[in-house]
Amino acid sequence: MKDSEIINQKTKEDQNILNFGKIIFVIFFLAGNSCLFGYIFTKEFWFADLGFMLITYGSLFNLVIMLILLICAAANKSNRKAYLHSAAILLINIPIAILYAIIGFNLVIFN
């Protein structure tokens, strides 16, 4: 293979790794928004219930994915930066989840 083909192959692999992290982030971000705003607009308690379950199980799922990405980063030196960047994207969900949990608890308690 030519050098340009090797570089293109690495770029595609890196992009796939980054897209994986972005997809996981977006799925849980949209699910959290759906639960929070679903409860705000409808006052249906099952939205709040689902949101609290999402925080619990979503956190565990994201933690497992992050650990897998970190293990892959340690094992694969050529794509380490992409794996670490993908794991960092997942870290963005943590403060958002904490904020949504605080808002959700306050909404349920005071409504």
Protein backbone atom coordinates (compact mmCIF):
# COMPACT_ATOMS: atom_id res chain seq x y z
CA MET A 1 0.00 0.00 0.00
CA LYS A 2 1.04 3.55 -0.64
CA ASP A 3 1.63 5.97 2.21
CA SER A 4 -1.44 8.00 1.24
CA GLU A 5 -3.62 4.86 1.38
CA ILE A 6 -2.29 4.03 4.86
CA ILE A 7 -3.01 7.58 6.02
CA ASN A 8 -6.54 7.45 4.56
CA GLN A 9 -7.13 4.08 6.26
CA LYS A 10 -6.00 5.49 9.62
CA THR A 11 -8.13 8.59 9.16
CA LYS A 12 -11.20 6.45 8.43
CA GLU A 13 -10.54 4.30 11.51
CA ASP A 14 -10.13 7.39 13.67
CA GLN A 15 -13.33 8.87 12.26
CA ASN A 16 -15.25 5.65 12.97
CA ILE A 17 -14.00 5.65 16.57
CA LEU A 18 -15.01 9.29 17.04
CA ASN A 19 -18.41 8.68 15.45
CA PHE A 20 -19.02 5.81 17.86
CA GLY A 21 -18.49 8.11 20.86
CA LYS A 22 -20.64 10.82 19.31
CA ILE A 23 -23.49 8.40 18.59
CA ILE A 24 -23.51 7.09 22.17
CA PHE A 25 -23.44 10.67 23.46
CA VAL A 26 -26.32 11.79 21.25
CA ILE A 27 -28.50 8.77 22.06
CA PHE A 28 -28.29 9.32 25.81
CA PHE A 29 -28.48 13.11 25.50
CA LEU A 30 -31.69 12.90 23.46
CA ALA A 31 -33.15 10.26 25.77
CA GLY A 32 -32.45 12.48 28.79
CA ASN A 33 -34.00 15.50 27.06
CA SER A 34 -37.06 13.46 26.14
CA CYS A 35 -37.56 12.35 29.72
CA LEU A 36 -36.97 15.78 31.27
CA PHE A 37 -39.07 17.80 28.86
CA GLY A 38 -41.69 15.07 28.62
CA TYR A 39 -42.23 15.40 32.36
CA ILE A 40 -42.12 19.20 32.27
CA PHE A 41 -44.75 19.48 29.55
CA THR A 42 -47.07 16.60 30.49
CA LYS A 43 -46.55 16.12 34.25
CA GLU A 44 -46.78 12.37 33.58
CA PHE A 45 -44.82 10.67 36.33
CA TRP A 46 -43.64 7.85 34.09
CA PHE A 47 -41.38 10.36 32.28
CA ALA A 48 -39.69 11.13 35.58
CA ASP A 49 -39.48 7.44 36.41
CA LEU A 50 -37.96 6.67 33.04
CA GLY A 51 -35.52 9.57 33.46
CA PHE A 52 -34.28 8.31 36.81
CA MET A 53 -33.87 4.82 35.38
CA LEU A 54 -32.01 6.33 32.43
CA ILE A 55 -29.61 8.07 34.78
CA THR A 56 -28.93 4.81 36.62
CA TYR A 57 -28.63 2.41 33.71
CA GLY A 58 -27.30 4.99 31.26
CA SER A 59 -24.47 5.84 33.64
CA LEU A 60 -23.52 2.19 33.92
CA PHE A 61 -23.70 1.71 30.15
CA ASN A 62 -21.61 4.82 29.47
CA LEU A 63 -19.08 3.72 32.08
CA VAL A 64 -18.70 0.32 30.43
CA ILE A 65 -18.29 1.94 27.00
CA MET A 66 -15.75 4.38 28.42
CA LEU A 67 -13.75 1.57 30.00
CA ILE A 68 -13.75 -0.30 26.69
CA LEU A 69 -12.52 2.82 24.90
CA LEU A 70 -9.77 3.34 27.49
CA ILE A 71 -8.66 -0.29 27.23
CA CYS A 72 -8.60 0.02 23.45
CA ALA A 73 -6.56 3.23 23.77
CA ALA A 74 -4.02 1.44 25.95
CA ALA A 75 -3.83 -1.52 23.58
CA ASN A 76 -3.84 0.35 20.26
CA LYS A 77 -1.16 3.03 20.12
CA SER A 78 -1.86 4.06 16.53
CA ASN A 79 -5.45 5.13 17.31
CA ARG A 80 -4.93 6.15 20.94
CA LYS A 81 -5.82 9.80 20.39
CA ALA A 82 -9.13 8.91 18.70
CA TYR A 83 -10.09 6.48 21.48
CA LEU A 84 -9.29 9.03 24.18
CA HIS A 85 -11.18 11.75 22.31
CA SER A 86 -14.19 9.47 21.97
CA ALA A 87 -14.06 8.73 25.71
CA ALA A 88 -13.85 12.46 26.41
CA ILE A 89 -17.01 13.03 24.38
CA LEU A 90 -18.81 10.59 26.68
CA LEU A 91 -17.60 12.59 29.70
CA ILE A 92 -19.70 15.54 28.51
CA ASN A 93 -22.82 13.61 29.56
CA ILE A 94 -21.81 13.57 33.24
CA PRO A 95 -22.48 17.23 34.16
CA ILE A 96 -25.58 17.22 31.96
CA ALA A 97 -26.92 14.13 33.75
CA ILE A 98 -26.20 15.68 37.15
CA LEU A 99 -27.97 18.90 36.16
CA TYR A 100 -30.96 16.98 34.79
CA ALA A 101 -31.13 14.84 37.94
CA ILE A 102 -31.21 17.96 40.15
CA ILE A 103 -33.88 19.56 37.97
CA GLY A 104 -35.88 16.32 37.87
CA PHE A 105 -35.76 15.79 41.64
CA ASN A 106 -36.86 19.37 42.24
CA LEU A 107 -39.68 19.11 39.74
CA VAL A 108 -40.99 15.88 41.25
CA ILE A 109 -40.68 17.07 44.85
CA PHE A 110 -42.22 20.53 44.35
CA ASN A 111 -45.01 19.55 41.93
